[in-house]
């Protein structure tokens, strides 16, 4: 049969190459030569190898992508460590020129009550109780707790907390419990005051609190009205977050069910830009927003 085909191809005029190629292509597998079978097997093996390699890379079964991520994180940590090392001389100089620590015995509980009461009045926080406890520790470890109960709205309480850094002595909020009652919040908190220490002023001289925090947007999580950062798409709801030091995974409930997404995945016309403790950052249609946990009504 091969001789007959070759004879017809030899006598064909015009388009000899095309005719020869078509004739070879129409040969049944059992009529293939050993060379052709070897070439076909090689191409199939190559295709399988390339497909397997691509699947391996996408699944990161060898951990190459994870290793590159960790290497990049290590490089960033090295850069930050070097920057911190360059700041050490200035920090040592600032510490050497810092004023001496205040004698803790000269700052009494009456001073604590006066400072905290003034700050609360400045921000509209209504103090119901303010009880100083006994001073414990000595030197820089001296600490006096203040237990308070107050009523305020979220903005007033937030302003009070941010104003603690302006007090003449270091005051650190401890246990804080906030409950919403009608239009106000009831706050129970413990403020740990350290009479021998002064707060580290992060703001520059003449810079207001609003200027220092202009890059941050705060919203009231206790408000019954949907917050500016809440999703406007009722079909999307954040139901779970999983995160380690390198990557995050979020569980999003959509109209089609619950799906798991990571940074870079798309949800409709929006793309996941970040996954952290506040929620899932989404970007699309020229705007960004954060998908947060919805408050479940009791």
Foldseek 3Di string as FASTA:
>chain_A
DVVVLVVVLVPDPPPSVVSVVVVVVPDDPVPDDPVVVVVVVVVVVVVVVVVVVVVCVVVVPVVPVVVVLVVVVVVVVVVVVVVVVVCVVVVVVCVVPDDAWDALVVCDVVNVVVQLVVLLVVLVKAWPDWDKDDWDDGAQPTKIKIKTKIKAAPSSVVSSVLCQLVDQWHKDKDDWDWDDDPRIIIIITMIITGRRHHHDDPDDPPADPCNVCVVDDDWGPPDPDDTPQEDPDPQWAWDDKDDDPRWIWTWIGGPVGIDIDTAQDDDVQWGFHDQDDQATWIDGPHDIHGHGHDDDDD
